[in-house]
PDB file of N, CA and C in Angstrom:
ATOM      1  N   MET A   1     158.545 -18.073 239.830  1.00  0.00           N
ATOM      2  CA  MET A   1     159.062 -17.435 241.015  1.00  0.00           C
ATOM      3  C   MET A   1     158.956 -18.370 242.216  1.00  0.00           C
ATOM      4  N   GLU A   2     157.792 -19.011 242.379  1.00  0.00           N
ATOM      5  CA  GLU A   2     157.602 -19.901 243.520  1.00  0.00           C
ATOM      6  C   GLU A   2     158.593 -21.069 243.493  1.00  0.00           C
ATOM      7  N   GLU A   3     158.865 -21.570 242.290  1.00  0.00           N
ATOM      8  CA  GLU A   3     159.812 -22.677 242.151  1.00  0.00           C
ATOM      9  C   GLU A   3     161.219 -22.235 242.580  1.00  0.00           C
ATOM     10  N   PHE A   4     161.606 -21.033 242.162  1.00  0.00           N
ATOM     11  CA  PHE A   4     162.917 -20.496 242.532  1.00  0.00           C
ATOM     12  C   PHE A   4     163.025 -20.336 244.047  1.00  0.00           C
ATOM     13  N   VAL A   5     162.008 -19.760 244.664  1.00  0.00           N
ATOM     14  CA  VAL A   5     162.018 -19.548 246.116  1.00  0.00           C
ATOM     15  C   VAL A   5     162.079 -20.887 246.842  1.00  0.00           C
ATOM     16  N   ALA A   6     161.315 -21.858 246.380  1.00  0.00           N
ATOM     17  CA  ALA A   6     161.336 -23.175 247.017  1.00  0.00           C
ATOM     18  C   ALA A   6     162.712 -23.819 246.904  1.00  0.00           C
ATOM     19  N   LYS A   7     163.331 -23.686 245.746  1.00  0.00           N
ATOM     20  CA  LYS A   7     164.648 -24.289 245.513  1.00  0.00           C
ATOM     21  C   LYS A   7     165.721 -23.653 246.389  1.00  0.00           C
ATOM     22  N   HIS A   8     165.614 -22.346 246.624  1.00  0.00           N
ATOM     23  CA  HIS A   8     166.639 -21.615 247.370  1.00  0.00           C
ATOM     24  C   HIS A   8     166.113 -21.106 248.713  1.00  0.00           C
ATOM     25  N   ALA A   9     165.142 -21.790 249.286  1.00  0.00           N
ATOM     26  CA  ALA A   9     164.453 -21.330 250.492  1.00  0.00           C
ATOM     27  C   ALA A   9     165.400 -21.033 251.648  1.00  0.00           C
ATOM     28  N   GLU A  10     166.447 -21.808 251.788  1.00  0.00           N
ATOM     29  CA  GLU A  10     167.363 -21.605 252.922  1.00  0.00           C
ATOM     30  C   GLU A  10     168.112 -20.270 252.833  1.00  0.00           C
ATOM     31  N   HIS A  11     168.170 -19.690 251.636  1.00  0.00           N
ATOM     32  CA  HIS A  11     168.877 -18.419 251.451  1.00  0.00           C
ATOM     33  C   HIS A  11     167.934 -17.228 251.276  1.00  0.00           C
ATOM     34  N   VAL A  12     166.653 -17.492 251.164  1.00  0.00           N
ATOM     35  CA  VAL A  12     165.679 -16.420 250.921  1.00  0.00           C
ATOM     36  C   VAL A  12     165.205 -15.851 252.251  1.00  0.00           C
ATOM     37  N   ILE A  13     165.356 -14.549 252.394  1.00  0.00           N
ATOM     38  CA  ILE A  13     164.914 -13.857 253.607  1.00  0.00           C
ATOM     39  C   ILE A  13     163.468 -13.381 253.454  1.00  0.00           C
ATOM     40  N   GLY A  14     163.111 -12.947 252.235  1.00  0.00           N
ATOM     41  CA  GLY A  14     161.766 -12.456 251.978  1.00  0.00           C
ATOM     42  C   GLY A  14     161.592 -12.228 250.487  1.00  0.00           C
ATOM     43  N   THR A  15     160.388 -11.894 250.078  1.00  0.00           N
ATOM     44  CA  THR A  15     160.110 -11.613 248.675  1.00  0.00           C
ATOM     45  C   THR A  15     159.214 -10.389 248.572  1.00  0.00           C
ATOM     46  N   LEU A  16     159.285  -9.733 247.440  1.00  0.00           N
ATOM     47  CA  LEU A  16     158.399  -8.625 247.111  1.00  0.00           C
ATOM     48  C   LEU A  16     157.626  -9.002 245.867  1.00  0.00           C
ATOM     49  N   SER A  17     156.406  -8.554 245.783  1.00  0.00           N
ATOM     50  CA  SER A  17     155.640  -8.803 244.571  1.00  0.00           C
ATOM     51  C   SER A  17     154.777  -7.591 244.268  1.00  0.00           C
ATOM     52  N   GLY A  18     154.378  -7.489 243.011  1.00  0.00           N
ATOM     53  CA  GLY A  18     153.541  -6.371 242.595  1.00  0.00           C
ATOM     54  C   GLY A  18     153.129  -6.545 241.155  1.00  0.00           C
ATOM     55  N   PHE A  19     152.374  -5.575 240.643  1.00  0.00           N
ATOM     56  CA  PHE A  19     151.909  -5.617 239.270  1.00  0.00           C
ATOM     57  C   PHE A  19     152.984  -5.113 238.328  1.00  0.00           C
ATOM     58  N   ASP A  20     153.153  -5.756 237.201  1.00  0.00           N
ATOM     59  CA  ASP A  20     154.063  -5.227 236.190  1.00  0.00           C
ATOM     60  C   ASP A  20     153.279  -4.550 235.070  1.00  0.00           C
ATOM     61  N   ARG A  21     151.977  -4.754 235.037  1.00  0.00           N
ATOM     62  CA  ARG A  21     151.116  -4.083 234.064  1.00  0.00           C
ATOM     63  C   ARG A  21     149.672  -4.257 234.509  1.00  0.00           C
ATOM     64  N   LEU A  22     148.808  -3.398 234.007  1.00  0.00           N
ATOM     65  CA  LEU A  22     147.392  -3.452 234.339  1.00  0.00           C
ATOM     66  C   LEU A  22     146.572  -3.482 233.067  1.00  0.00           C
ATOM     67  N   VAL A  23     145.499  -4.227 233.084  1.00  0.00           N
ATOM     68  CA  VAL A  23     144.556  -4.259 231.967  1.00  0.00           C
ATOM     69  C   VAL A  23     143.185  -3.945 232.555  1.00  0.00           C
ATOM     70  N   PHE A  24     142.551  -2.918 232.022  1.00  0.00           N
ATOM     71  CA  PHE A  24     141.226  -2.536 232.485  1.00  0.00           C
ATOM     72  C   PHE A  24     140.190  -2.975 231.467  1.00  0.00           C
ATOM     73  N   ARG A  25     139.163  -3.640 231.946  1.00  0.00           N
ATOM     74  CA  ARG A  25     138.049  -4.040 231.093  1.00  0.00           C
ATOM     75  C   ARG A  25     136.775  -3.853 231.902  1.00  0.00           C
ATOM     76  N   GLY A  26     135.706  -3.570 231.229  1.00  0.00           N
ATOM     77  CA  GLY A  26     134.466  -3.464 231.969  1.00  0.00           C
ATOM     78  C   GLY A  26     133.366  -2.829 231.164  1.00  0.00           C
ATOM     79  N   THR A  27     132.218  -2.776 231.775  1.00  0.00           N
ATOM     80  CA  THR A  27     131.038  -2.173 231.180  1.00  0.00           C
ATOM     81  C   THR A  27     130.362  -1.331 232.243  1.00  0.00           C
ATOM     82  N   LEU A  28     129.954  -0.146 231.867  1.00  0.00           N
ATOM     83  CA  LEU A  28     129.134   0.647 232.763  1.00  0.00           C
ATOM     84  C   LEU A  28     127.692   0.239 232.503  1.00  0.00           C
ATOM     85  N   ARG A  29     127.186  -0.665 233.308  1.00  0.00           N
ATOM     86  CA  ARG A  29     125.877  -1.269 233.056  1.00  0.00           C
ATOM     87  C   ARG A  29     124.774  -0.219 232.889  1.00  0.00           C
ATOM     88  N   LEU A  30     124.866   0.872 233.630  1.00  0.00           N
ATOM     89  CA  LEU A  30     123.866   1.924 233.501  1.00  0.00           C
ATOM     90  C   LEU A  30     123.795   2.430 232.065  1.00  0.00           C
ATOM     91  N   LEU A  31     124.957   2.515 231.411  1.00  0.00           N
ATOM     92  CA  LEU A  31     125.012   3.076 230.069  1.00  0.00           C
ATOM     93  C   LEU A  31     124.833   2.032 228.972  1.00  0.00           C
ATOM     94  N   ALA A  32     124.672   0.773 229.348  1.00  0.00           N
ATOM     95  CA  ALA A  32     124.610  -0.300 228.359  1.00  0.00           C
ATOM     96  C   ALA A  32     123.231  -0.463 227.724  1.00  0.00           C
ATOM     97  N   HIS A  33     122.279   0.368 228.096  1.00  0.00           N
ATOM     98  CA  HIS A  33     120.958   0.324 227.463  1.00  0.00           C
ATOM     99  C   HIS A  33     120.440   1.746 227.299  1.00  0.00           C
ATOM    100  N   ARG A  34     119.499   1.906 226.404  1.00  0.00           N
ATOM    101  CA  ARG A  34     119.017   3.234 226.021  1.00  0.00           C
ATOM    102  C   ARG A  34     118.521   4.057 227.209  1.00  0.00           C
ATOM    103  N   GLY A  35     117.696   3.449 228.039  1.00  0.00           N
ATOM    104  CA  GLY A  35     117.134   4.171 229.186  1.00  0.00           C
ATOM    105  C   GLY A  35     118.195   4.673 230.138  1.00  0.00           C
ATOM    106  N   GLY A  36     119.183   3.832 230.393  1.00  0.00           N
ATOM    107  CA  GLY A  36     120.272   4.222 231.290  1.00  0.00           C
ATOM    108  C   GLY A  36     121.086   5.367 230.727  1.00  0.00           C
ATOM    109  N   LEU A  37     121.367   5.299 229.436  1.00  0.00           N
ATOM    110  CA  LEU A  37     122.138   6.365 228.794  1.00  0.00           C
ATOM    111  C   LEU A  37     121.362   7.683 228.831  1.00  0.00           C
ATOM    112  N   MET A  38     120.089   7.625 228.530  1.00  0.00           N
ATOM    113  CA  MET A  38     119.280   8.845 228.539  1.00  0.00           C
ATOM    114  C   MET A  38     119.202   9.441 229.946  1.00  0.00           C
ATOM    115  N   THR A  39     119.106   8.589 230.966  1.00  0.00           N
ATOM    116  CA  THR A  39     119.090   9.068 232.351  1.00  0.00           C
ATOM    117  C   THR A  39     120.413   9.756 232.684  1.00  0.00           C
ATOM    118  N   TYR A  40     121.526   9.118 232.307  1.00  0.00           N
ATOM    119  CA  TYR A  40     122.843   9.699 232.554  1.00  0.00           C
ATOM    120  C   TYR A  40     122.969  11.066 231.876  1.00  0.00           C
ATOM    121  N   LEU A  41     122.621  11.143 230.596  1.00  0.00           N
ATOM    122  CA  LEU A  41     122.744  12.409 229.866  1.00  0.00           C
ATOM    123  C   LEU A  41     121.885  13.499 230.502  1.00  0.00           C
ATOM    124  N   SER A  42     120.719  13.137 230.960  1.00  0.00           N
ATOM    125  CA  SER A  42     119.855  14.109 231.625  1.00  0.00           C
ATOM    126  C   SER A  42     120.499  14.624 232.911  1.00  0.00           C
ATOM    127  N   ARG A  43     121.074  13.729 233.685  1.00  0.00           N
ATOM    128  CA  ARG A  43     121.691  14.115 234.968  1.00  0.00           C
ATOM    129  C   ARG A  43     122.925  14.992 234.787  1.00  0.00           C
ATOM    130  N   VAL A  44     123.665  14.776 233.709  1.00  0.00           N
ATOM    131  CA  VAL A  44     124.872  15.596 233.488  1.00  0.00           C
ATOM    132  C   VAL A  44     124.595  16.766 232.547  1.00  0.00           C
ATOM    133  N   HIS A  45     123.316  16.958 232.199  1.00  0.00           N
ATOM    134  CA  HIS A  45     122.875  18.092 231.369  1.00  0.00           C
ATOM    135  C   HIS A  45     123.577  18.126 230.008  1.00  0.00           C
ATOM    136  N   VAL A  46     123.604  16.961 229.337  1.00  0.00           N
ATOM    137  CA  VAL A  46     124.184  16.858 227.993  1.00  0.00           C
ATOM    138  C   VAL A  46     123.069  16.458 227.038  1.00  0.00           C
ATOM    139  N   LEU A  47     122.896  17.226 225.973  1.00  0.00           N
ATOM    140  CA  LEU A  47     121.900  16.891 224.959  1.00  0.00           C
ATOM    141  C   LEU A  47     122.378  15.697 224.141  1.00  0.00           C
ATOM    142  N   LEU A  48     121.446  14.905 223.644  1.00  0.00           N
ATOM    143  CA  LEU A  48     121.796  13.727 222.854  1.00  0.00           C
ATOM    144  C   LEU A  48     122.672  14.103 221.659  1.00  0.00           C
ATOM    145  N   LYS A  49     122.397  15.233 221.029  1.00  0.00           N
ATOM    146  CA  LYS A  49     123.188  15.664 219.876  1.00  0.00           C
ATOM    147  C   LYS A  49     124.636  15.971 220.253  1.00  0.00           C
ATOM    148  N   ASP A  50     124.907  16.200 221.536  1.00  0.00           N
ATOM    149  CA  ASP A  50     126.258  16.518 222.011  1.00  0.00           C
ATOM    150  C   ASP A  50     126.956  15.316 222.642  1.00  0.00           C
ATOM    151  N   PHE A  51     126.311  14.150 222.579  1.00  0.00           N
ATOM    152  CA  PHE A  51     126.875  12.972 223.241  1.00  0.00           C
ATOM    153  C   PHE A  51     128.266  12.608 222.719  1.00  0.00           C
ATOM    154  N   GLY A  52     128.480  12.644 221.409  1.00  0.00           N
ATOM    155  CA  GLY A  52     129.777  12.270 220.842  1.00  0.00           C
ATOM    156  C   GLY A  52     130.908  13.124 221.394  1.00  0.00           C
ATOM    157  N   THR A  53     130.702  14.423 221.419  1.00  0.00           N
ATOM    158  CA  THR A  53     131.716  15.339 221.953  1.00  0.00           C
ATOM    159  C   THR A  53     131.939  15.081 223.438  1.00  0.00           C
ATOM    160  N   HIS A  54     130.842  14.871 224.168  1.00  0.00           N
ATOM    161  CA  HIS A  54     130.923  14.589 225.602  1.00  0.00           C
ATOM    162  C   HIS A  54     131.725  13.305 225.851  1.00  0.00           C
ATOM    163  N   ALA A  55     131.414  12.254 225.097  1.00  0.00           N
ATOM    164  CA  ALA A  55     132.093  10.965 225.263  1.00  0.00           C
ATOM    165  C   ALA A  55     133.581  11.079 224.938  1.00  0.00           C
ATOM    166  N   GLN A  56     133.922  11.828 223.885  1.00  0.00           N
ATOM    167  CA  GLN A  56     135.339  12.014 223.537  1.00  0.00           C
ATOM    168  C   GLN A  56     136.082  12.736 224.654  1.00  0.00           C
ATOM    169  N   GLY A  57     135.450  13.741 225.238  1.00  0.00           N
ATOM    170  CA  GLY A  57     136.074  14.463 226.351  1.00  0.00           C
ATOM    171  C   GLY A  57     136.315  13.560 227.547  1.00  0.00           C
ATOM    172  N   LEU A  58     135.333  12.739 227.880  1.00  0.00           N
ATOM    173  CA  LEU A  58     135.496  11.801 228.991  1.00  0.00           C
ATOM    174  C   LEU A  58     136.590  10.781 228.703  1.00  0.00           C
ATOM    175  N   THR A  59     136.653  10.324 227.450  1.00  0.00           N
ATOM    176  CA  THR A  59     137.690   9.371 227.065  1.00  0.00           C
ATOM    177  C   THR A  59     139.072   9.974 227.270  1.00  0.00           C
ATOM    178  N   GLU A  60     139.257  11.214 226.853  1.00  0.00           N
ATOM    179  CA  GLU A  60     140.558  11.880 227.027  1.00  0.00           C
ATOM    180  C   GLU A  60     140.897  12.052 228.503  1.00  0.00           C
ATOM    181  N   GLN A  61     139.906  12.407 229.319  1.00  0.00           N
ATOM    182  CA  GLN A  61     140.143  12.550 230.759  1.00  0.00           C
ATOM    183  C   GLN A  61     140.569  11.212 231.373  1.00  0.00           C
ATOM    184  N   LEU A  62     139.896  10.144 230.984  1.00  0.00           N
ATOM    185  CA  LEU A  62     140.216   8.815 231.504  1.00  0.00           C
ATOM    186  C   LEU A  62     141.615   8.386 231.082  1.00  0.00           C
ATOM    187  N   LYS A  63     141.947   8.595 229.812  1.00  0.00           N
ATOM    188  CA  LYS A  63     143.284   8.229 229.333  1.00  0.00           C
ATOM    189  C   LYS A  63     144.359   9.011 230.069  1.00  0.00           C
ATOM    190  N   GLU A  64     144.147  10.303 230.246  1.00  0.00           N
ATOM    191  CA  GLU A  64     145.135  11.138 230.939  1.00  0.00           C
ATOM    192  C   GLU A  64     145.314  10.692 232.386  1.00  0.00           C
ATOM    193  N   ALA A  65     144.214  10.473 233.085  1.00  0.00           N
ATOM    194  CA  ALA A  65     144.284  10.053 234.486  1.00  0.00           C
ATOM    195  C   ALA A  65     144.952   8.689 234.632  1.00  0.00           C
ATOM    196  N   SER A  66     144.685   7.794 233.700  1.00  0.00           N
ATOM    197  CA  SER A  66     145.216   6.435 233.830  1.00  0.00           C
ATOM    198  C   SER A  66     146.677   6.316 233.411  1.00  0.00           C
ATOM    199  N   THR A  67     147.195   7.282 232.671  1.00  0.00           N
ATOM    200  CA  THR A  67     148.601   7.217 232.254  1.00  0.00           C
ATOM    201  C   THR A  67     149.500   8.206 232.986  1.00  0.00           C
ATOM    202  N   ALA A  68     148.928   9.126 233.749  1.00  0.00           N
ATOM    203  CA  ALA A  68     149.717  10.168 234.409  1.00  0.00           C
ATOM    204  C   ALA A  68     150.767   9.588 235.354  1.00  0.00           C
ATOM    205  N   LEU A  69     150.390   8.653 236.195  1.00  0.00           N
ATOM    206  CA  LEU A  69     151.349   8.075 237.134  1.00  0.00           C
ATOM    207  C   LEU A  69     152.451   7.319 236.400  1.00  0.00           C
ATOM    208  N   ALA A  70     152.086   6.575 235.395  1.00  0.00           N
ATOM    209  CA  ALA A  70     153.099   5.835 234.632  1.00  0.00           C
ATOM    210  C   ALA A  70     154.125   6.796 234.033  1.00  0.00           C
ATOM    211  N   ARG A  71     153.660   7.906 233.485  1.00  0.00           N
ATOM    212  CA  ARG A  71     154.595   8.889 232.916  1.00  0.00           C
ATOM    213  C   ARG A  71     155.482   9.502 233.995  1.00  0.00           C
ATOM    214  N   ARG A  72     154.877   9.832 235.149  1.00  0.00           N
ATOM    215  CA  ARG A  72     155.671  10.414 236.244  1.00  0.00           C
ATOM    216  C   ARG A  72     156.762   9.455 236.708  1.00  0.00           C
ATOM    217  N   MET A  73     156.470   8.170 236.645  1.00  0.00           N
ATOM    218  CA  MET A  73     157.438   7.156 237.084  1.00  0.00           C
ATOM    219  C   MET A  73     158.322   6.671 235.935  1.00  0.00           C
ATOM    220  N   ALA A  74     158.223   7.334 234.793  1.00  0.00           N
ATOM    221  CA  ALA A  74     159.008   6.981 233.600  1.00  0.00           C
ATOM    222  C   ALA A  74     158.777   5.530 233.175  1.00  0.00           C
ATOM    223  N   ARG A  75     157.540   5.072 233.296  1.00  0.00           N
ATOM    224  CA  ARG A  75     157.175   3.721 232.888  1.00  0.00           C
ATOM    225  C   ARG A  75     156.545   3.772 231.508  1.00  0.00           C
ATOM    226  N   PRO A  76     156.725   2.746 230.714  1.00  0.00           N
ATOM    227  CA  PRO A  76     156.168   2.756 229.362  1.00  0.00           C
ATOM    228  C   PRO A  76     154.647   2.629 229.339  1.00  0.00           C
ATOM    229  N   VAL A  77     154.044   3.328 228.425  1.00  0.00           N
ATOM    230  CA  VAL A  77     152.612   3.208 228.144  1.00  0.00           C
ATOM    231  C   VAL A  77     152.530   2.941 226.653  1.00  0.00           C
ATOM    232  N   ARG A  78     151.921   1.852 226.302  1.00  0.00           N
ATOM    233  CA  ARG A  78     151.927   1.447 224.900  1.00  0.00           C
ATOM    234  C   ARG A  78     150.527   1.076 224.442  1.00  0.00           C
ATOM    235  N   TYR A  79     150.080   1.667 223.360  1.00  0.00           N
ATOM    236  CA  TYR A  79     148.778   1.357 222.778  1.00  0.00           C
ATOM    237  C   TYR A  79     148.916   0.108 221.914  1.00  0.00           C
ATOM    238  N   LEU A  80     148.032  -0.843 222.122  1.00  0.00           N
ATOM    239  CA  LEU A  80     148.012  -2.046 221.301  1.00  0.00           C
ATOM    240  C   LEU A  80     146.781  -1.971 220.409  1.00  0.00           C
ATOM    241  N   ALA A  81     146.991  -1.965 219.123  1.00  0.00           N
ATOM    242  CA  ALA A  81     145.907  -1.762 218.157  1.00  0.00           C
ATOM    243  C   ALA A  81     144.961  -2.953 218.050  1.00  0.00           C
ATOM    244  N   SER A  82     145.362  -4.096 218.567  1.00  0.00           N
ATOM    245  CA  SER A  82     144.529  -5.282 218.428  1.00  0.00           C
ATOM    246  C   SER A  82     144.459  -6.047 219.743  1.00  0.00           C
ATOM    247  N   ALA A  83     143.271  -6.497 220.096  1.00  0.00           N
ATOM    248  CA  ALA A  83     143.108  -7.322 221.289  1.00  0.00           C
ATOM    249  C   ALA A  83     143.774  -8.684 221.106  1.00  0.00           C
ATOM    250  N   ALA A  84     144.068  -9.039 219.862  1.00  0.00           N
ATOM    251  CA  ALA A  84     144.696 -10.322 219.574  1.00  0.00           C
ATOM    252  C   ALA A  84     146.208 -10.300 219.824  1.00  0.00           C
ATOM    253  N   ALA A  85     146.780  -9.119 220.104  1.00  0.00           N
ATOM    254  CA  ALA A  85     148.222  -9.024 220.358  1.00  0.00           C
ATOM    255  C   ALA A  85     148.585  -9.885 221.567  1.00  0.00           C
ATOM    256  N   ASN A  86     149.731 -10.523 221.509  1.00  0.00           N
ATOM    257  CA  ASN A  86     150.203 -11.363 222.605  1.00  0.00           C
ATOM    258  C   ASN A  86     150.802 -10.445 223.671  1.00  0.00           C
ATOM    259  N   LYS A  87     149.992 -10.058 224.639  1.00  0.00           N
ATOM    260  CA  LYS A  87     150.408  -9.089 225.650  1.00  0.00           C
ATOM    261  C   LYS A  87     151.543  -9.618 226.515  1.00  0.00           C
ATOM    262  N   GLU A  88     151.523 -10.894 226.805  1.00  0.00           N
ATOM    263  CA  GLU A  88     152.601 -11.488 227.606  1.00  0.00           C
ATOM    264  C   GLU A  88     153.937 -11.355 226.876  1.00  0.00           C
ATOM    265  N   GLU A  89     153.953 -11.669 225.594  1.00  0.00           N
ATOM    266  CA  GLU A  89     155.181 -11.554 224.798  1.00  0.00           C
ATOM    267  C   GLU A  89     155.644 -10.102 224.719  1.00  0.00           C
ATOM    268  N   ILE A  90     154.715  -9.189 224.499  1.00  0.00           N
ATOM    269  CA  ILE A  90     155.062  -7.769 224.408  1.00  0.00           C
ATOM    270  C   ILE A  90     155.623  -7.274 225.745  1.00  0.00           C
ATOM    271  N   ALA A  91     155.028  -7.698 226.853  1.00  0.00           N
ATOM    272  CA  ALA A  91     155.506  -7.279 228.172  1.00  0.00           C
ATOM    273  C   ALA A  91     156.910  -7.813 228.446  1.00  0.00           C
ATOM    274  N   ARG A  92     157.186  -9.020 227.997  1.00  0.00           N
ATOM    275  CA  ARG A  92     158.518  -9.602 228.231  1.00  0.00           C
ATOM    276  C   ARG A  92     159.584  -9.033 227.308  1.00  0.00           C
ATOM    277  N   ASN A  93     159.193  -8.597 226.112  1.00  0.00           N
ATOM    278  CA  ASN A  93     160.128  -8.049 225.127  1.00  0.00           C
ATOM    279  C   ASN A  93     159.583  -6.739 224.579  1.00  0.00           C
ATOM    280  N   PRO A  94     159.614  -5.667 225.383  1.00  0.00           N
ATOM    281  CA  PRO A  94     158.956  -4.430 224.969  1.00  0.00           C
ATOM    282  C   PRO A  94     159.598  -3.732 223.781  1.00  0.00           C
ATOM    283  N   GLY A  95     160.861  -3.952 223.520  1.00  0.00           N
ATOM    284  CA  GLY A  95     161.509  -3.301 222.385  1.00  0.00           C
ATOM    285  C   GLY A  95     161.787  -1.838 222.642  1.00  0.00           C
ATOM    286  N   PRO A  96     162.514  -1.195 221.751  1.00  0.00           N
ATOM    287  CA  PRO A  96     162.946   0.188 221.968  1.00  0.00           C
ATOM    288  C   PRO A  96     161.826   1.216 221.861  1.00  0.00           C
ATOM    289  N   SER A  97     160.694   0.884 221.211  1.00  0.00           N
ATOM    290  CA  SER A  97     159.630   1.860 221.014  1.00  0.00           C
ATOM    291  C   SER A  97     158.581   1.798 222.126  1.00  0.00           C
ATOM    292  N   ALA A  98     158.851   1.116 223.230  1.00  0.00           N
ATOM    293  CA  ALA A  98     157.851   0.915 224.270  1.00  0.00           C
ATOM    294  C   ALA A  98     157.594   2.181 225.081  1.00  0.00           C
ATOM    295  N   ARG A  99     158.430   3.164 225.018  1.00  0.00           N
ATOM    296  CA  ARG A  99     158.202   4.367 225.819  1.00  0.00           C
ATOM    297  C   ARG A  99     157.559   5.373 224.979  1.00  0.00           C
TER     298      ARG A  99
END
């Protein structure tokens, strides 16, 4: 993009930029060790035996919240089964099943 703008600078009035996709990665450090997890479960009043169900519910809430805007804007949301997938290639050539 920068090369194109530089080449045609005399005709360019302005440019717009933004994200074409987002990738979220991270760790909740509090939950990354036993003591932190037990403290969290105590604060949210979840028994250890119910942790799996609790975690699944939170996962569904997070997925719904993170894809709601994309769906409202008719933007594709695509699950990639492998971290090894070439995300750049997929983004450039989404194919007919991307929605």
